[in-house]
Amino acid sequence: MLLIDEMKANLPITAHASRDLSKTLIANGFDVTPEKELKILNVVESGEEGGIACFLDLPENFVVSLTLLRVGPDHPLHDKIFAYQKKRIRSIFRSKGLGSKRMKQIFQQEK
């Protein structure tokens, strides 16, 4: 079964914004800290460019990439989601010519 299908079968999924997403949202006037619990209400495949997009339970109808969200280690899909995120971020970094050192820094910050 594909990850997106497994996610759909487990909706809603509790998640938290990554630090980068939180900083961007706060800078734009939204109260979304990394500690704030969010719910993924729906997921769609947005192609090679966008990956898995998540519809969140915010009044502003946010849709964000799964790579910008963190799912708790107790969630049954945590390991699969984390593996997807790591692979996706690695692919994005390679396409932009960025190194693995920066990618490791990002994953260390999120722990």
PDB file of N, CA and C in Angstrom:
ATOM      1  N   MET A   1       0.844  -1.182   0.000  1.00  0.00           N
ATOM      2  CA  MET A   1       0.000   0.000   0.000  1.00  0.00           C
ATOM      3  C   MET A   1       0.891   1.248   0.000  1.00  0.00           C
ATOM      4  N   LEU A   2       0.522   2.237  -0.774  1.00  0.00           N
ATOM      5  CA  LEU A   2       1.276   3.486  -0.836  1.00  0.00           C
ATOM      6  C   LEU A   2       1.103   4.283   0.450  1.00  0.00           C
ATOM      7  N   LEU A   3       2.120   5.078   0.800  1.00  0.00           N
ATOM      8  CA  LEU A   3       2.060   5.895   2.010  1.00  0.00           C
ATOM      9  C   LEU A   3       0.828   6.790   2.016  1.00  0.00           C
ATOM     10  N   ILE A   4       0.522   7.423   0.899  1.00  0.00           N
ATOM     11  CA  ILE A   4      -0.627   8.332   0.859  1.00  0.00           C
ATOM     12  C   ILE A   4      -1.927   7.584   1.177  1.00  0.00           C
ATOM     13  N   ASP A   5      -2.050   6.351   0.706  1.00  0.00           N
ATOM     14  CA  ASP A   5      -3.240   5.548   1.003  1.00  0.00           C
ATOM     15  C   ASP A   5      -3.296   5.178   2.484  1.00  0.00           C
ATOM     16  N   GLU A   6      -2.147   4.847   3.052  1.00  0.00           N
ATOM     17  CA  GLU A   6      -2.093   4.538   4.484  1.00  0.00           C
ATOM     18  C   GLU A   6      -2.449   5.772   5.314  1.00  0.00           C
ATOM     19  N   MET A   7      -1.975   6.935   4.874  1.00  0.00           N
ATOM     20  CA  MET A   7      -2.301   8.169   5.591  1.00  0.00           C
ATOM     21  C   MET A   7      -3.799   8.443   5.527  1.00  0.00           C
ATOM     22  N   LYS A   8      -4.389   8.278   4.347  1.00  0.00           N
ATOM     23  CA  LYS A   8      -5.836   8.502   4.203  1.00  0.00           C
ATOM     24  C   LYS A   8      -6.625   7.579   5.126  1.00  0.00           C
ATOM     25  N   ALA A   9      -6.154   6.362   5.287  1.00  0.00           N
ATOM     26  CA  ALA A   9      -6.838   5.401   6.155  1.00  0.00           C
ATOM     27  C   ALA A   9      -6.692   5.747   7.637  1.00  0.00           C
ATOM     28  N   ASN A  10      -5.735   6.621   7.971  1.00  0.00           N
ATOM     29  CA  ASN A  10      -5.474   6.981   9.366  1.00  0.00           C
ATOM     30  C   ASN A  10      -5.861   8.418   9.709  1.00  0.00           C
ATOM     31  N   LEU A  11      -6.578   9.106   8.825  1.00  0.00           N
ATOM     32  CA  LEU A  11      -6.967  10.500   9.078  1.00  0.00           C
ATOM     33  C   LEU A  11      -7.994  10.589  10.195  1.00  0.00           C
ATOM     34  N   PRO A  12      -8.007  11.674  10.960  1.00  0.00           N
ATOM     35  CA  PRO A  12      -7.021  12.752  10.958  1.00  0.00           C
ATOM     36  C   PRO A  12      -5.728  12.304  11.645  1.00  0.00           C
ATOM     37  N   ILE A  13      -4.631  12.922  11.246  1.00  0.00           N
ATOM     38  CA  ILE A  13      -3.319  12.617  11.808  1.00  0.00           C
ATOM     39  C   ILE A  13      -2.833  13.844  12.567  1.00  0.00           C
ATOM     40  N   THR A  14      -2.423  13.636  13.812  1.00  0.00           N
ATOM     41  CA  THR A  14      -1.873  14.727  14.616  1.00  0.00           C
ATOM     42  C   THR A  14      -0.437  14.989  14.179  1.00  0.00           C
ATOM     43  N   ALA A  15      -0.109  16.266  14.016  1.00  0.00           N
ATOM     44  CA  ALA A  15       1.234  16.653  13.584  1.00  0.00           C
ATOM     45  C   ALA A  15       1.597  17.999  14.199  1.00  0.00           C
ATOM     46  N   HIS A  16       2.840  18.382  14.019  1.00  0.00           N
ATOM     47  CA  HIS A  16       3.342  19.682  14.464  1.00  0.00           C
ATOM     48  C   HIS A  16       4.103  20.313  13.307  1.00  0.00           C
ATOM     49  N   ALA A  17       4.101  21.627  13.263  1.00  0.00           N
ATOM     50  CA  ALA A  17       4.848  22.349  12.232  1.00  0.00           C
ATOM     51  C   ALA A  17       6.342  22.211  12.495  1.00  0.00           C
ATOM     52  N   SER A  18       7.114  22.089  11.435  1.00  0.00           N
ATOM     53  CA  SER A  18       8.570  22.125  11.585  1.00  0.00           C
ATOM     54  C   SER A  18       8.958  23.529  12.036  1.00  0.00           C
ATOM     55  N   ARG A  19      10.165  23.673  12.503  1.00  0.00           N
ATOM     56  CA  ARG A  19      10.619  25.011  12.928  1.00  0.00           C
ATOM     57  C   ARG A  19      10.587  25.995  11.766  1.00  0.00           C
ATOM     58  N   ASP A  20      11.007  25.537  10.584  1.00  0.00           N
ATOM     59  CA  ASP A  20      11.013  26.432   9.419  1.00  0.00           C
ATOM     60  C   ASP A  20       9.602  26.871   9.048  1.00  0.00           C
ATOM     61  N   LEU A  21       8.654  25.946   9.034  1.00  0.00           N
ATOM     62  CA  LEU A  21       7.269  26.302   8.717  1.00  0.00           C
ATOM     63  C   LEU A  21       6.715  27.244   9.773  1.00  0.00           C
ATOM     64  N   SER A  22       6.977  26.945  11.031  1.00  0.00           N
ATOM     65  CA  SER A  22       6.489  27.784  12.123  1.00  0.00           C
ATOM     66  C   SER A  22       7.026  29.213  12.003  1.00  0.00           C
ATOM     67  N   LYS A  23       8.312  29.352  11.732  1.00  0.00           N
ATOM     68  CA  LYS A  23       8.912  30.690  11.577  1.00  0.00           C
ATOM     69  C   LYS A  23       8.228  31.467  10.461  1.00  0.00           C
ATOM     70  N   THR A  24       7.989  30.810   9.350  1.00  0.00           N
ATOM     71  CA  THR A  24       7.338  31.466   8.212  1.00  0.00           C
ATOM     72  C   THR A  24       5.924  31.893   8.568  1.00  0.00           C
ATOM     73  N   LEU A  25       5.169  31.022   9.216  1.00  0.00           N
ATOM     74  CA  LEU A  25       3.786  31.344   9.575  1.00  0.00           C
ATOM     75  C   LEU A  25       3.726  32.455  10.615  1.00  0.00           C
ATOM     76  N   ILE A  26       4.591  32.392  11.620  1.00  0.00           N
ATOM     77  CA  ILE A  26       4.615  33.441  12.647  1.00  0.00           C
ATOM     78  C   ILE A  26       4.978  34.781  12.018  1.00  0.00           C
ATOM     79  N   ALA A  27       5.946  34.788  11.102  1.00  0.00           N
ATOM     80  CA  ALA A  27       6.344  36.027  10.422  1.00  0.00           C
ATOM     81  C   ALA A  27       5.198  36.625   9.616  1.00  0.00           C
ATOM     82  N   ASN A  28       4.239  35.776   9.238  1.00  0.00           N
ATOM     83  CA  ASN A  28       3.084  36.246   8.472  1.00  0.00           C
ATOM     84  C   ASN A  28       1.831  36.410   9.332  1.00  0.00           C
ATOM     85  N   GLY A  29       2.025  36.433  10.651  1.00  0.00           N
ATOM     86  CA  GLY A  29       0.931  36.743  11.561  1.00  0.00           C
ATOM     87  C   GLY A  29       0.083  35.578  12.033  1.00  0.00           C
ATOM     88  N   PHE A  30       0.530  34.357  11.812  1.00  0.00           N
ATOM     89  CA  PHE A  30      -0.241  33.189  12.238  1.00  0.00           C
ATOM     90  C   PHE A  30       0.380  32.581  13.492  1.00  0.00           C
ATOM     91  N   ASP A  31      -0.449  32.202  14.437  1.00  0.00           N
ATOM     92  CA  ASP A  31       0.004  31.643  15.706  1.00  0.00           C
ATOM     93  C   ASP A  31       0.176  30.129  15.590  1.00  0.00           C
ATOM     94  N   VAL A  32       1.255  29.726  14.931  1.00  0.00           N
ATOM     95  CA  VAL A  32       1.532  28.300  14.760  1.00  0.00           C
ATOM     96  C   VAL A  32       2.977  28.047  15.183  1.00  0.00           C
ATOM     97  N   THR A  33       3.128  27.668  16.448  1.00  0.00           N
ATOM     98  CA  THR A  33       4.447  27.333  16.980  1.00  0.00           C
ATOM     99  C   THR A  33       4.712  25.845  16.741  1.00  0.00           C
ATOM    100  N   PRO A  34       5.974  25.415  16.860  1.00  0.00           N
ATOM    101  CA  PRO A  34       6.255  23.985  16.706  1.00  0.00           C
ATOM    102  C   PRO A  34       5.534  23.119  17.754  1.00  0.00           C
ATOM    103  N   GLU A  35       5.153  23.725  18.872  1.00  0.00           N
ATOM    104  CA  GLU A  35       4.465  22.984  19.932  1.00  0.00           C
ATOM    105  C   GLU A  35       2.967  22.842  19.674  1.00  0.00           C
ATOM    106  N   LYS A  36       2.412  23.682  18.816  1.00  0.00           N
ATOM    107  CA  LYS A  36       0.969  23.664  18.579  1.00  0.00           C
ATOM    108  C   LYS A  36       0.569  22.390  17.837  1.00  0.00           C
ATOM    109  N   GLU A  37      -0.423  21.716  18.384  1.00  0.00           N
ATOM    110  CA  GLU A  37      -0.914  20.492  17.761  1.00  0.00           C
ATOM    111  C   GLU A  37      -1.799  20.839  16.567  1.00  0.00           C
ATOM    112  N   LEU A  38      -1.490  20.236  15.435  1.00  0.00           N
ATOM    113  CA  LEU A  38      -2.265  20.422  14.211  1.00  0.00           C
ATOM    114  C   LEU A  38      -2.869  19.081  13.816  1.00  0.00           C
ATOM    115  N   LYS A  39      -3.911  19.129  13.031  1.00  0.00           N
ATOM    116  CA  LYS A  39      -4.513  17.903  12.510  1.00  0.00           C
ATOM    117  C   LYS A  39      -4.433  17.928  10.988  1.00  0.00           C
ATOM    118  N   ILE A  40      -3.928  16.845  10.421  1.00  0.00           N
ATOM    119  CA  ILE A  40      -3.968  16.663   8.974  1.00  0.00           C
ATOM    120  C   ILE A  40      -5.332  16.060   8.674  1.00  0.00           C
ATOM    121  N   LEU A  41      -6.146  16.800   7.914  1.00  0.00           N
ATOM    122  CA  LEU A  41      -7.512  16.366   7.624  1.00  0.00           C
ATOM    123  C   LEU A  41      -7.639  15.600   6.315  1.00  0.00           C
ATOM    124  N   ASN A  42      -6.728  15.888   5.379  1.00  0.00           N
ATOM    125  CA  ASN A  42      -6.756  15.217   4.081  1.00  0.00           C
ATOM    126  C   ASN A  42      -5.367  15.290   3.475  1.00  0.00           C
ATOM    127  N   VAL A  43      -5.067  14.381   2.581  1.00  0.00           N
ATOM    128  CA  VAL A  43      -3.789  14.382   1.873  1.00  0.00           C
ATOM    129  C   VAL A  43      -4.041  14.128   0.396  1.00  0.00           C
ATOM    130  N   VAL A  44      -3.230  14.769  -0.444  1.00  0.00           N
ATOM    131  CA  VAL A  44      -3.307  14.554  -1.887  1.00  0.00           C
ATOM    132  C   VAL A  44      -1.894  14.467  -2.440  1.00  0.00           C
ATOM    133  N   GLU A  45      -1.754  13.762  -3.535  1.00  0.00           N
ATOM    134  CA  GLU A  45      -0.471  13.679  -4.228  1.00  0.00           C
ATOM    135  C   GLU A  45      -0.400  14.853  -5.186  1.00  0.00           C
ATOM    136  N   SER A  46       0.621  15.689  -5.021  1.00  0.00           N
ATOM    137  CA  SER A  46       0.730  16.868  -5.881  1.00  0.00           C
ATOM    138  C   SER A  46       1.861  16.737  -6.898  1.00  0.00           C
ATOM    139  N   GLY A  47       2.216  15.512  -7.226  1.00  0.00           N
ATOM    140  CA  GLY A  47       3.200  15.276  -8.273  1.00  0.00           C
ATOM    141  C   GLY A  47       4.630  15.304  -7.777  1.00  0.00           C
ATOM    142  N   GLU A  48       5.546  15.107  -8.711  1.00  0.00           N
ATOM    143  CA  GLU A  48       6.973  15.060  -8.394  1.00  0.00           C
ATOM    144  C   GLU A  48       7.460  16.353  -7.750  1.00  0.00           C
ATOM    145  N   GLU A  49       6.971  17.477  -8.212  1.00  0.00           N
ATOM    146  CA  GLU A  49       7.387  18.780  -7.674  1.00  0.00           C
ATOM    147  C   GLU A  49       6.920  19.001  -6.245  1.00  0.00           C
ATOM    148  N   GLY A  50       5.661  18.642  -5.959  1.00  0.00           N
ATOM    149  CA  GLY A  50       5.073  18.973  -4.664  1.00  0.00           C
ATOM    150  C   GLY A  50       5.026  17.848  -3.651  1.00  0.00           C
ATOM    151  N   GLY A  51       5.069  16.609  -4.100  1.00  0.00           N
ATOM    152  CA  GLY A  51       4.991  15.491  -3.170  1.00  0.00           C
ATOM    153  C   GLY A  51       3.616  15.372  -2.527  1.00  0.00           C
ATOM    154  N   ILE A  52       3.581  14.864  -1.312  1.00  0.00           N
ATOM    155  CA  ILE A  52       2.319  14.711  -0.588  1.00  0.00           C
ATOM    156  C   ILE A  52       1.968  16.040   0.072  1.00  0.00           C
ATOM    157  N   ALA A  53       0.787  16.559  -0.262  1.00  0.00           N
ATOM    158  CA  ALA A  53       0.302  17.818   0.312  1.00  0.00           C
ATOM    159  C   ALA A  53      -0.738  17.499   1.376  1.00  0.00           C
ATOM    160  N   CYS A  54      -0.677  18.230   2.486  1.00  0.00           N
ATOM    161  CA  CYS A  54      -1.555  17.981   3.631  1.00  0.00           C
ATOM    162  C   CYS A  54      -2.466  19.178   3.881  1.00  0.00           C
ATOM    163  N   PHE A  55      -3.751  18.909   4.025  1.00  0.00           N
ATOM    164  CA  PHE A  55      -4.737  19.933   4.374  1.00  0.00           C
ATOM    165  C   PHE A  55      -4.841  19.953   5.894  1.00  0.00           C
ATOM    166  N   LEU A  56      -4.603  21.118   6.493  1.00  0.00           N
ATOM    167  CA  LEU A  56      -4.593  21.240   7.948  1.00  0.00           C
ATOM    168  C   LEU A  56      -5.884  21.827   8.483  1.00  0.00           C
ATOM    169  N   ASP A  57      -6.112  21.618   9.765  1.00  0.00           N
ATOM    170  CA  ASP A  57      -7.331  22.067  10.434  1.00  0.00           C
ATOM    171  C   ASP A  57      -7.251  23.523  10.901  1.00  0.00           C
ATOM    172  N   LEU A  58      -6.638  24.367  10.123  1.00  0.00           N
ATOM    173  CA  LEU A  58      -6.545  25.786  10.469  1.00  0.00           C
ATOM    174  C   LEU A  58      -7.634  26.553   9.736  1.00  0.00           C
ATOM    175  N   PRO A  59      -8.150  27.626  10.339  1.00  0.00           N
ATOM    176  CA  PRO A  59      -9.233  28.384   9.702  1.00  0.00           C
ATOM    177  C   PRO A  59      -8.842  28.963   8.342  1.00  0.00           C
ATOM    178  N   GLU A  60      -7.558  29.124   8.112  1.00  0.00           N
ATOM    179  CA  GLU A  60      -7.086  29.727   6.867  1.00  0.00           C
ATOM    180  C   GLU A  60      -6.966  28.715   5.732  1.00  0.00           C
ATOM    181  N   ASN A  61      -7.415  27.482   5.942  1.00  0.00           N
ATOM    182  CA  ASN A  61      -7.352  26.428   4.918  1.00  0.00           C
ATOM    183  C   ASN A  61      -5.942  26.213   4.382  1.00  0.00           C
ATOM    184  N   PHE A  62      -5.010  25.956   5.261  1.00  0.00           N
ATOM    185  CA  PHE A  62      -3.630  25.735   4.868  1.00  0.00           C
ATOM    186  C   PHE A  62      -3.447  24.371   4.221  1.00  0.00           C
ATOM    187  N   VAL A  63      -2.636  24.375   3.183  1.00  0.00           N
ATOM    188  CA  VAL A  63      -2.174  23.144   2.550  1.00  0.00           C
ATOM    189  C   VAL A  63      -0.654  23.246   2.537  1.00  0.00           C
ATOM    190  N   VAL A  64       0.015  22.283   3.159  1.00  0.00           N
ATOM    191  CA  VAL A  64       1.474  22.315   3.234  1.00  0.00           C
ATOM    192  C   VAL A  64       2.044  20.956   2.849  1.00  0.00           C
ATOM    193  N   SER A  65       3.294  20.978   2.467  1.00  0.00           N
ATOM    194  CA  SER A  65       3.996  19.746   2.133  1.00  0.00           C
ATOM    195  C   SER A  65       4.195  18.900   3.390  1.00  0.00           C
ATOM    196  N   LEU A  66       4.080  17.603   3.236  1.00  0.00           N
ATOM    197  CA  LEU A  66       4.325  16.691   4.349  1.00  0.00           C
ATOM    198  C   LEU A  66       5.735  16.864   4.902  1.00  0.00           C
ATOM    199  N   THR A  67       6.671  17.298   4.086  1.00  0.00           N
ATOM    200  CA  THR A  67       8.047  17.481   4.553  1.00  0.00           C
ATOM    201  C   THR A  67       8.158  18.581   5.598  1.00  0.00           C
ATOM    202  N   LEU A  68       7.159  19.450   5.714  1.00  0.00           N
ATOM    203  CA  LEU A  68       7.192  20.560   6.671  1.00  0.00           C
ATOM    204  C   LEU A  68       6.461  20.254   7.973  1.00  0.00           C
ATOM    205  N   LEU A  69       6.004  19.022   8.127  1.00  0.00           N
ATOM    206  CA  LEU A  69       5.266  18.626   9.326  1.00  0.00           C
ATOM    207  C   LEU A  69       6.012  17.523  10.065  1.00  0.00           C
ATOM    208  N   ARG A  70       5.777  17.435  11.360  1.00  0.00           N
ATOM    209  CA  ARG A  70       6.386  16.389  12.181  1.00  0.00           C
ATOM    210  C   ARG A  70       5.279  15.587  12.851  1.00  0.00           C
ATOM    211  N   VAL A  71       5.317  14.293  12.635  1.00  0.00           N
ATOM    212  CA  VAL A  71       4.346  13.378  13.235  1.00  0.00           C
ATOM    213  C   VAL A  71       5.019  12.718  14.433  1.00  0.00           C
ATOM    214  N   GLY A  72       4.292  12.600  15.528  1.00  0.00           N
ATOM    215  CA  GLY A  72       4.852  12.040  16.758  1.00  0.00           C
ATOM    216  C   GLY A  72       5.348  10.613  16.604  1.00  0.00           C
ATOM    217  N   PRO A  73       6.364  10.249  17.388  1.00  0.00           N
ATOM    218  CA  PRO A  73       6.951   8.908  17.291  1.00  0.00           C
ATOM    219  C   PRO A  73       5.989   7.791  17.686  1.00  0.00           C
ATOM    220  N   ASP A  74       4.895   8.140  18.359  1.00  0.00           N
ATOM    221  CA  ASP A  74       3.926   7.130  18.764  1.00  0.00           C
ATOM    222  C   ASP A  74       2.891   6.826  17.676  1.00  0.00           C
ATOM    223  N   HIS A  75       2.892   7.613  16.597  1.00  0.00           N
ATOM    224  CA  HIS A  75       1.922   7.379  15.521  1.00  0.00           C
ATOM    225  C   HIS A  75       2.354   6.143  14.726  1.00  0.00           C
ATOM    226  N   PRO A  76       1.405   5.272  14.346  1.00  0.00           N
ATOM    227  CA  PRO A  76       1.774   4.040  13.633  1.00  0.00           C
ATOM    228  C   PRO A  76       2.480   4.262  12.290  1.00  0.00           C
ATOM    229  N   LEU A  77       2.311   5.423  11.679  1.00  0.00           N
ATOM    230  CA  LEU A  77       2.969   5.698  10.394  1.00  0.00           C
ATOM    231  C   LEU A  77       4.227   6.558  10.545  1.00  0.00           C
ATOM    232  N   HIS A  78       4.633   6.829  11.780  1.00  0.00           N
ATOM    233  CA  HIS A  78       5.781   7.716  12.003  1.00  0.00           C
ATOM    234  C   HIS A  78       7.006   7.307  11.189  1.00  0.00           C
ATOM    235  N   ASP A  79       7.406   6.059  11.282  1.00  0.00           N
ATOM    236  CA  ASP A  79       8.631   5.618  10.604  1.00  0.00           C
ATOM    237  C   ASP A  79       8.520   5.748   9.087  1.00  0.00           C
ATOM    238  N   LYS A  80       7.374   5.401   8.538  1.00  0.00           N
ATOM    239  CA  LYS A  80       7.179   5.508   7.089  1.00  0.00           C
ATOM    240  C   LYS A  80       7.154   6.966   6.652  1.00  0.00           C
ATOM    241  N   ILE A  81       6.500   7.816   7.431  1.00  0.00           N
ATOM    242  CA  ILE A  81       6.444   9.248   7.101  1.00  0.00           C
ATOM    243  C   ILE A  81       7.834   9.854   7.197  1.00  0.00           C
ATOM    244  N   PHE A  82       8.580   9.519   8.254  1.00  0.00           N
ATOM    245  CA  PHE A  82       9.928  10.055   8.426  1.00  0.00           C
ATOM    246  C   PHE A  82      10.838   9.615   7.279  1.00  0.00           C
ATOM    247  N   ALA A  83      10.728   8.353   6.873  1.00  0.00           N
ATOM    248  CA  ALA A  83      11.536   7.854   5.750  1.00  0.00           C
ATOM    249  C   ALA A  83      11.177   8.598   4.465  1.00  0.00           C
ATOM    250  N   TYR A  84       9.883   8.827   4.230  1.00  0.00           N
ATOM    251  CA  TYR A  84       9.433   9.590   3.058  1.00  0.00           C
ATOM    252  C   TYR A  84      10.019  10.995   3.103  1.00  0.00           C
ATOM    253  N   GLN A  85       9.940  11.661   4.262  1.00  0.00           N
ATOM    254  CA  GLN A  85      10.435  13.028   4.393  1.00  0.00           C
ATOM    255  C   GLN A  85      11.934  13.098   4.117  1.00  0.00           C
ATOM    256  N   LYS A  86      12.664  12.172   4.676  1.00  0.00           N
ATOM    257  CA  LYS A  86      14.114  12.154   4.493  1.00  0.00           C
ATOM    258  C   LYS A  86      14.471  11.969   3.015  1.00  0.00           C
ATOM    259  N   LYS A  87      13.807  11.017   2.372  1.00  0.00           N
ATOM    260  CA  LYS A  87      14.051  10.757   0.950  1.00  0.00           C
ATOM    261  C   LYS A  87      13.668  11.971   0.106  1.00  0.00           C
ATOM    262  N   ARG A  88      12.531  12.569   0.413  1.00  0.00           N
ATOM    263  CA  ARG A  88      12.031  13.725  -0.342  1.00  0.00           C
ATOM    264  C   ARG A  88      12.964  14.927  -0.180  1.00  0.00           C
ATOM    265  N   ILE A  89      13.382  15.195   1.044  1.00  0.00           N
ATOM    266  CA  ILE A  89      14.280  16.326   1.293  1.00  0.00           C
ATOM    267  C   ILE A  89      15.623  16.085   0.617  1.00  0.00           C
ATOM    268  N   ARG A  90      16.112  14.861   0.681  1.00  0.00           N
ATOM    269  CA  ARG A  90      17.375  14.528   0.001  1.00  0.00           C
ATOM    270  C   ARG A  90      17.251  14.803  -1.499  1.00  0.00           C
ATOM    271  N   SER A  91      16.136  14.416  -2.088  1.00  0.00           N
ATOM    272  CA  SER A  91      15.892  14.640  -3.513  1.00  0.00           C
ATOM    273  C   SER A  91      15.847  16.135  -3.837  1.00  0.00           C
ATOM    274  N   ILE A  92      15.171  16.904  -2.991  1.00  0.00           N
ATOM    275  CA  ILE A  92      15.082  18.357  -3.195  1.00  0.00           C
ATOM    276  C   ILE A  92      16.469  18.981  -3.101  1.00  0.00           C
ATOM    277  N   PHE A  93      17.243  18.578  -2.096  1.00  0.00           N
ATOM    278  CA  PHE A  93      18.579  19.134  -1.920  1.00  0.00           C
ATOM    279  C   PHE A  93      19.466  18.810  -3.115  1.00  0.00           C
ATOM    280  N   ARG A  94      19.392  17.587  -3.602  1.00  0.00           N
ATOM    281  CA  ARG A  94      20.208  17.208  -4.766  1.00  0.00           C
ATOM    282  C   ARG A  94      19.824  18.014  -5.999  1.00  0.00           C
ATOM    283  N   SER A  95      18.528  18.232  -6.194  1.00  0.00           N
ATOM    284  CA  SER A  95      18.080  18.977  -7.373  1.00  0.00           C
ATOM    285  C   SER A  95      18.513  20.438  -7.314  1.00  0.00           C
ATOM    286  N   LYS A  96      18.761  20.938  -6.100  1.00  0.00           N
ATOM    287  CA  LYS A  96      19.189  22.329  -5.938  1.00  0.00           C
ATOM    288  C   LYS A  96      20.700  22.450  -5.712  1.00  0.00           C
ATOM    289  N   GLY A  97      21.395  21.318  -5.750  1.00  0.00           N
ATOM    290  CA  GLY A  97      22.843  21.332  -5.591  1.00  0.00           C
ATOM    291  C   GLY A  97      23.302  21.586  -4.165  1.00  0.00           C
ATOM    292  N   LEU A  98      22.468  21.269  -3.175  1.00  0.00           N
ATOM    293  CA  LEU A  98      22.828  21.471  -1.774  1.00  0.00           C
ATOM    294  C   LEU A  98      23.409  20.186  -1.207  1.00  0.00           C
ATOM    295  N   GLY A  99      24.284  20.317  -0.223  1.00  0.00           N
ATOM    296  CA  GLY A  99      24.978  19.156   0.316  1.00  0.00           C
ATOM    297  C   GLY A  99      24.256  18.427   1.428  1.00  0.00           C
ATOM    298  N   SER A 100      24.769  17.238   1.725  1.00  0.00           N
ATOM    299  CA  SER A 100      24.174  16.403   2.770  1.00  0.00           C
ATOM    300  C   SER A 100      24.439  16.967   4.158  1.00  0.00           C
ATOM    301  N   LYS A 101      25.494  17.780   4.309  1.00  0.00           N
ATOM    302  CA  LYS A 101      25.792  18.377   5.613  1.00  0.00           C
ATOM    303  C   LYS A 101      24.628  19.262   6.068  1.00  0.00           C
ATOM    304  N   ARG A 102      24.103  20.080   5.169  1.00  0.00           N
ATOM    305  CA  ARG A 102      22.974  20.954   5.507  1.00  0.00           C
ATOM    306  C   ARG A 102      21.726  20.128   5.808  1.00  0.00           C
ATOM    307  N   MET A 103      21.517  19.066   5.064  1.00  0.00           N
ATOM    308  CA  MET A 103      20.361  18.212   5.313  1.00  0.00           C
ATOM    309  C   MET A 103      20.445  17.596   6.712  1.00  0.00           C
ATOM    310  N   LYS A 104      21.623  17.148   7.118  1.00  0.00           N
ATOM    311  CA  LYS A 104      21.801  16.583   8.458  1.00  0.00           C
ATOM    312  C   LYS A 104      21.507  17.633   9.521  1.00  0.00           C
ATOM    313  N   GLN A 105      21.932  18.876   9.273  1.00  0.00           N
ATOM    314  CA  GLN A 105      21.658  19.957  10.221  1.00  0.00           C
ATOM    315  C   GLN A 105      20.155  20.149  10.401  1.00  0.00           C
ATOM    316  N   ILE A 106      19.422  20.117   9.321  1.00  0.00           N
ATOM    317  CA  ILE A 106      17.967  20.302   9.390  1.00  0.00           C
ATOM    318  C   ILE A 106      17.332  19.191  10.215  1.00  0.00           C
ATOM    319  N   PHE A 107      17.716  17.949   9.974  1.00  0.00           N
ATOM    320  CA  PHE A 107      17.116  16.837  10.715  1.00  0.00           C
ATOM    321  C   PHE A 107      17.536  16.850  12.179  1.00  0.00           C
ATOM    322  N   GLN A 108      18.747  17.310  12.488  1.00  0.00           N
ATOM    323  CA  GLN A 108      19.172  17.410  13.883  1.00  0.00           C
ATOM    324  C   GLN A 108      18.377  18.482  14.622  1.00  0.00           C
ATOM    325  N   GLN A 109      18.070  19.602  13.954  1.00  0.00           N
ATOM    326  CA  GLN A 109      17.294  20.685  14.563  1.00  0.00           C
ATOM    327  C   GLN A 109      15.902  20.225  14.936  1.00  0.00           C
ATOM    328  N   GLU A 110      15.335  19.323  14.170  1.00  0.00           N
ATOM    329  CA  GLU A 110      13.950  18.911  14.374  1.00  0.00           C
ATOM    330  C   GLU A 110      13.794  17.888  15.492  1.00  0.00           C
ATOM    331  N   LYS A 111      14.882  17.327  15.986  1.00  0.00           N
ATOM    332  CA  LYS A 111      14.775  16.308  17.054  1.00  0.00           C
ATOM    333  C   LYS A 111      14.440  16.946  18.377  1.00  0.00           C
TER     334      LYS A 111
END
